[in-house]
């Protein structure tokens, strides 16, 4: 309840996407910055889909012209196929992330990139056609286990950022003394849980994990929380790697079969 009250003190804001001005970076309205009452946004923030499971890591720059979403913004634009006139609404969580909803020319919300709906029982992840083929999460994740999906980019190789909303929603506590990242072959990698003062949380050891497992650009990792006997505390994250090229090939083959039928 405390978190909700903190979220509501910050107003939402919207931006109309104009490629000539917004394709490389996006200006954050000064009126919104004023509501922070002197608090600075973190140098790296997170943009999350409305349902909170898909995220983009964005660097925030403060220059003479104002405050901008900068490095990483172009990936958000590309992944969501933003077009001239699209309307984006932003809701700040009071810590270090913004929930983003995109409305298209039809004046309706665009089908968004999703890694998991609000219900963890819905095992088919919906990835919109602009972002790529859908992930059939039920092929990877055990029933009722919470998870999140991260898309590999060069800047996210060093750390695995853990969505605090997932931890909160499912009452999960990470074991700070010993955290294990388990790859698809069952090999365990020792990770270290750390957090910033603004509440964001990440796990070290991710770079070595990705290098050993050859996780490439645009590959997606389904990070499944494996609960211990106590239920709340988690010491293991099972990582399922969905290769971008293999997944695209598989869905192409499926489309060919459907065309024949």
Protein backbone atom coordinates (compact mmCIF):
# COMPACT_ATOMS: atom_id res chain seq x y z
CA UNK A 1 0.00 0.00 0.00
CA UNK A 2 2.88 2.34 0.71
CA UNK A 3 4.21 1.83 -2.80
CA UNK A 4 0.87 2.75 -4.34
CA UNK A 5 0.66 5.98 -2.40
CA UNK A 6 4.17 6.90 -3.57
CA UNK A 7 3.31 6.20 -7.19
CA UNK A 8 0.29 8.49 -7.13
CA UNK A 9 2.16 11.62 -6.08
CA UNK A 10 3.78 11.82 -9.51
CA UNK A 11 1.59 12.87 -12.43
CA UNK A 12 1.45 10.89 -15.62
CA UNK A 13 2.64 12.63 -18.77
CA UNK A 14 2.24 11.96 -22.47
CA UNK A 15 4.28 12.57 -25.59
CA UNK A 16 3.32 12.52 -29.27
CA UNK A 17 5.92 10.69 -31.30
CA UNK A 18 7.42 12.88 -34.03
CA UNK A 19 10.39 11.12 -35.71
CA UNK A 20 12.20 14.36 -36.57
CA UNK A 21 12.36 15.24 -32.88
CA UNK A 22 11.94 11.93 -31.04
CA UNK A 23 13.69 9.15 -32.96
CA UNK A 24 17.09 9.56 -31.26
CA UNK A 25 15.97 10.76 -27.83
CA UNK A 26 12.79 11.84 -26.06
CA UNK A 27 12.39 15.00 -24.03
CA UNK A 28 10.84 14.55 -20.59
CA UNK A 29 8.47 17.46 -19.89
CA UNK A 30 9.87 20.07 -17.53
CA UNK A 31 6.51 20.18 -15.75
CA UNK A 32 7.00 16.55 -14.75
CA UNK A 33 10.59 17.17 -13.62
CA UNK A 34 9.30 19.98 -11.40
CA UNK A 35 7.09 17.48 -9.55
CA UNK A 36 10.20 15.57 -8.47
CA UNK A 37 10.89 18.41 -6.03
CA UNK A 38 14.61 18.43 -6.62
CA UNK A 39 14.96 14.64 -6.84
CA UNK A 40 17.01 13.57 -9.85
CA UNK A 41 16.01 10.69 -12.04
CA UNK A 42 18.56 7.84 -11.97
CA UNK A 43 21.16 7.93 -14.73
CA UNK A 44 19.73 4.66 -15.99
CA UNK A 45 16.00 4.13 -15.81
CA UNK A 46 13.67 1.41 -17.05
CA UNK A 47 10.75 1.67 -19.45
CA UNK A 48 8.23 -1.08 -18.86
CA UNK A 49 5.26 -2.25 -20.85
CA UNK A 50 1.93 -1.51 -19.18
CA UNK A 51 1.73 -5.02 -17.74
CA UNK A 52 5.21 -4.65 -16.36
CA UNK A 53 6.98 -7.74 -17.70
CA UNK A 54 8.89 -6.41 -20.72
CA UNK A 55 11.50 -3.75 -20.14
CA UNK A 56 14.07 -1.54 -21.81
CA UNK A 57 17.08 -0.02 -20.05
CA UNK A 58 17.37 3.66 -20.95
CA UNK A 59 20.03 6.17 -19.98
CA UNK A 60 18.75 9.55 -18.80
CA UNK A 61 20.74 12.59 -19.85
CA UNK A 62 20.43 16.07 -18.38
CA UNK A 63 21.71 18.77 -20.69
CA UNK A 64 21.09 22.45 -21.22
CA UNK A 65 17.96 21.78 -23.31
CA UNK A 66 16.41 19.65 -20.55
CA UNK A 67 16.15 16.02 -19.44
CA UNK A 68 15.95 13.25 -22.06
CA UNK A 69 15.57 9.50 -22.47
CA UNK A 70 18.75 8.98 -24.48
CA UNK A 71 20.85 5.84 -24.96
CA UNK A 72 18.54 2.88 -25.42
CA UNK A 73 15.62 4.99 -26.63
CA UNK A 74 16.17 3.99 -30.26
CA UNK A 75 15.75 0.33 -29.31
CA UNK A 76 12.42 1.17 -27.69
CA UNK A 77 11.34 3.01 -30.84
CA UNK A 78 12.36 0.11 -33.08
CA UNK A 79 10.91 -2.65 -30.89
CA UNK A 80 7.54 -0.89 -30.71
CA UNK A 81 7.52 0.25 -34.38
CA UNK A 82 6.64 3.80 -33.35
CA UNK A 83 5.13 5.90 -36.11
CA UNK A 84 4.43 9.58 -36.60
CA UNK A 85 1.49 10.58 -34.42
CA UNK A 86 1.64 7.68 -31.97
CA UNK A 87 0.71 8.77 -28.45
CA UNK A 88 2.75 7.51 -25.51
CA UNK A 89 1.72 7.84 -21.88
CA UNK A 90 4.25 7.51 -19.05
CA UNK A 91 3.62 6.64 -15.40
CA UNK A 92 6.55 6.93 -12.97
CA UNK A 93 6.79 4.31 -10.22
CA UNK A 94 8.54 6.69 -7.83
CA UNK A 95 11.75 4.66 -7.86
CA UNK A 96 13.39 4.25 -11.23
CA UNK A 97 10.96 2.91 -13.81
CA UNK A 98 8.24 4.25 -16.12
CA UNK A 99 5.22 2.27 -17.29
CA UNK A 100 4.56 3.10 -20.94
CA UNK A 101 1.38 2.66 -22.97
CA UNK A 102 1.40 3.28 -26.73
CA UNK A 103 -1.67 4.40 -28.69
CA UNK A 104 -1.67 4.22 -32.47
CA UNK A 105 -3.38 6.10 -35.26
CA UNK A 106 -6.61 4.21 -34.59
CA UNK A 107 -6.77 6.01 -31.21
CA UNK A 108 -6.66 2.59 -29.53
CA UNK A 109 -3.87 1.04 -27.54
CA UNK A 110 -1.39 -0.81 -29.73
CA UNK A 111 -0.91 -4.50 -29.15
CA UNK A 112 2.01 -4.36 -26.79
CA UNK A 113 5.12 -6.40 -26.18
CA UNK A 114 4.41 -8.73 -23.29
CA UNK A 115 6.43 -11.31 -21.44
CA UNK A 116 3.67 -12.29 -19.08
CA UNK A 117 0.16 -11.08 -18.36
CA UNK A 118 -0.99 -10.25 -14.86
CA UNK A 119 -1.94 -13.88 -14.31
CA UNK A 120 1.03 -16.25 -14.11
CA UNK A 121 -1.36 -19.02 -15.15
CA UNK A 122 -1.46 -17.57 -18.67
CA UNK A 123 1.52 -19.40 -20.07
CA UNK A 124 1.57 -18.05 -23.62
CA UNK A 125 3.59 -14.85 -23.76
CA UNK A 126 2.26 -12.30 -26.18
CA UNK A 127 5.00 -10.60 -28.18
CA UNK A 128 3.50 -8.24 -30.72
CA UNK A 129 4.18 -8.63 -34.41
CA UNK A 130 6.34 -5.50 -34.47
CA UNK A 131 8.76 -6.96 -31.90
CA UNK A 132 8.99 -10.53 -33.07
CA UNK A 133 7.42 -13.94 -32.81
CA UNK A 134 5.58 -14.94 -29.63
CA UNK A 135 7.33 -17.01 -26.98
CA UNK A 136 5.40 -20.05 -25.86
CA UNK A 137 6.43 -19.79 -22.23
CA UNK A 138 4.64 -23.02 -21.31
CA UNK A 139 7.41 -24.87 -23.16
CA UNK A 140 9.93 -23.59 -20.63
CA UNK A 141 8.41 -22.52 -17.31
CA UNK A 142 6.95 -24.83 -14.69
CA UNK A 143 3.34 -24.24 -13.77
CA UNK A 144 2.79 -21.34 -11.33
CA UNK A 145 6.45 -20.32 -11.19
CA UNK A 146 6.84 -16.52 -11.54
CA UNK A 147 9.21 -15.30 -14.22
CA UNK A 148 10.26 -12.32 -16.29
CA UNK A 149 11.78 -11.96 -19.75
CA UNK A 150 14.78 -9.86 -20.69
CA UNK A 151 15.91 -9.16 -24.24
CA UNK A 152 19.65 -9.17 -24.69
CA UNK A 153 21.30 -5.94 -25.72
CA UNK A 154 24.98 -5.06 -25.58
CA UNK A 155 24.50 -2.68 -22.66
CA UNK A 156 22.66 -5.28 -20.54
CA UNK A 157 25.34 -7.97 -20.61
CA UNK A 158 27.07 -6.95 -17.38
CA UNK A 159 24.09 -7.27 -15.03
CA UNK A 160 20.77 -9.06 -14.88
CA UNK A 161 18.21 -6.47 -13.82
CA UNK A 162 15.41 -7.98 -11.74
CA UNK A 163 12.00 -6.23 -11.95
CA UNK A 164 11.13 -5.23 -8.39
CA UNK A 165 7.44 -5.34 -9.32
CA UNK A 166 7.66 -9.09 -9.96
CA UNK A 167 9.31 -9.63 -6.58
CA UNK A 168 6.67 -7.55 -4.87
CA UNK A 169 3.67 -9.01 -6.71
CA UNK A 170 4.69 -12.60 -5.94
CA UNK A 171 6.13 -11.96 -2.47
CA UNK A 172 9.61 -13.15 -3.46
CA UNK A 173 12.77 -12.53 -1.47
CA UNK A 174 16.10 -13.16 -3.17
CA UNK A 175 18.83 -14.92 -1.22
CA UNK A 176 21.52 -12.24 -0.97
CA UNK A 177 24.07 -14.66 0.46
CA UNK A 178 23.95 -17.15 -2.42
CA UNK A 179 22.17 -16.64 -5.72
CA UNK A 180 22.47 -19.21 -8.50
CA UNK A 181 21.86 -18.66 -12.21
CA UNK A 182 21.18 -22.06 -13.79
CA UNK A 183 21.64 -22.41 -17.53
CA UNK A 184 19.66 -24.74 -19.85
CA UNK A 185 22.30 -27.48 -19.46
CA UNK A 186 21.97 -27.46 -15.67
CA UNK A 187 25.27 -25.71 -15.03
CA UNK A 188 25.15 -23.38 -12.01
CA UNK A 189 26.64 -19.92 -11.99
CA UNK A 190 27.16 -18.05 -8.73
CA UNK A 191 25.62 -14.58 -8.79
CA UNK A 192 25.60 -11.74 -6.32
CA UNK A 193 22.48 -9.73 -5.54
CA UNK A 194 22.95 -5.99 -5.28
CA UNK A 195 20.72 -2.94 -5.30
CA UNK A 196 20.94 0.81 -5.68
CA UNK A 197 19.60 3.36 -3.25
CA UNK A 198 16.66 4.03 -5.59
CA UNK A 199 15.45 0.43 -5.11
CA UNK A 200 16.51 -1.11 -8.41
CA UNK A 201 17.96 -4.61 -8.07
CA UNK A 202 20.40 -6.59 -10.17
CA UNK A 203 22.45 -9.78 -10.11
CA UNK A 204 26.15 -9.85 -10.89
CA UNK A 205 27.77 -12.77 -12.71
CA UNK A 206 25.44 -12.30 -15.68
CA UNK A 207 28.26 -11.34 -18.05
CA UNK A 208 30.11 -14.63 -17.52
CA UNK A 209 26.83 -16.55 -17.83
CA UNK A 210 26.01 -14.90 -21.17
CA UNK A 211 29.52 -15.37 -22.54
CA UNK A 212 29.64 -19.10 -21.69
CA UNK A 213 26.16 -19.68 -23.13
CA UNK A 214 26.77 -17.54 -26.23
CA UNK A 215 23.75 -15.34 -25.57
CA UNK A 216 23.58 -13.04 -28.58
CA UNK A 217 21.99 -9.74 -29.51
CA UNK A 218 18.17 -9.91 -29.47
CA UNK A 219 18.14 -13.35 -27.83
CA UNK A 220 15.52 -13.47 -25.07
CA UNK A 221 16.08 -15.00 -21.66
CA UNK A 222 13.13 -16.29 -19.66
CA UNK A 223 14.19 -16.01 -16.02
CA UNK A 224 12.17 -18.41 -13.89
CA UNK A 225 12.17 -18.11 -10.10
CA UNK A 226 12.63 -21.52 -8.47
CA UNK A 227 11.14 -21.30 -5.01
CA UNK A 228 12.76 -23.01 -2.03
CA UNK A 229 10.99 -25.09 0.57
CA UNK A 230 9.96 -21.97 2.49
CA UNK A 231 8.18 -20.66 -0.59
CA UNK A 232 9.18 -17.01 -0.36
CA UNK A 233 12.97 -17.10 -0.53
CA UNK A 234 14.52 -17.80 -3.92
CA UNK A 235 18.12 -18.92 -4.36
CA UNK A 236 17.90 -20.19 -7.96
CA UNK A 237 16.87 -18.52 -11.20
CA UNK A 238 16.48 -20.98 -14.05
CA UNK A 239 17.37 -19.19 -17.27
CA UNK A 240 15.77 -20.41 -20.51
CA UNK A 241 17.45 -18.97 -23.60
CA UNK A 242 15.27 -18.31 -26.64
CA UNK A 243 17.57 -17.76 -29.60
CA UNK A 244 16.34 -15.03 -31.92
CA UNK A 245 17.29 -16.84 -35.14
CA UNK A 246 16.08 -20.27 -34.05
CA UNK A 247 12.73 -18.91 -32.86
CA UNK A 248 12.23 -16.96 -36.08
CA UNK A 249 13.07 -20.07 -38.12
CA UNK A 250 10.69 -22.23 -36.08
CA UNK A 251 7.77 -19.84 -36.57
CA UNK A 252 8.54 -19.53 -40.27
CA UNK A 253 8.31 -23.30 -40.59
CA UNK A 254 5.03 -23.28 -38.69
CA UNK A 255 3.65 -20.62 -41.04
CA UNK A 256 4.68 -22.70 -44.04
CA UNK A 257 2.86 -25.72 -42.63
CA UNK A 258 -0.26 -23.64 -42.04
CA UNK A 259 -0.09 -22.33 -45.61
CA UNK A 260 0.03 -25.89 -46.96
CA UNK A 261 -2.92 -26.93 -44.81
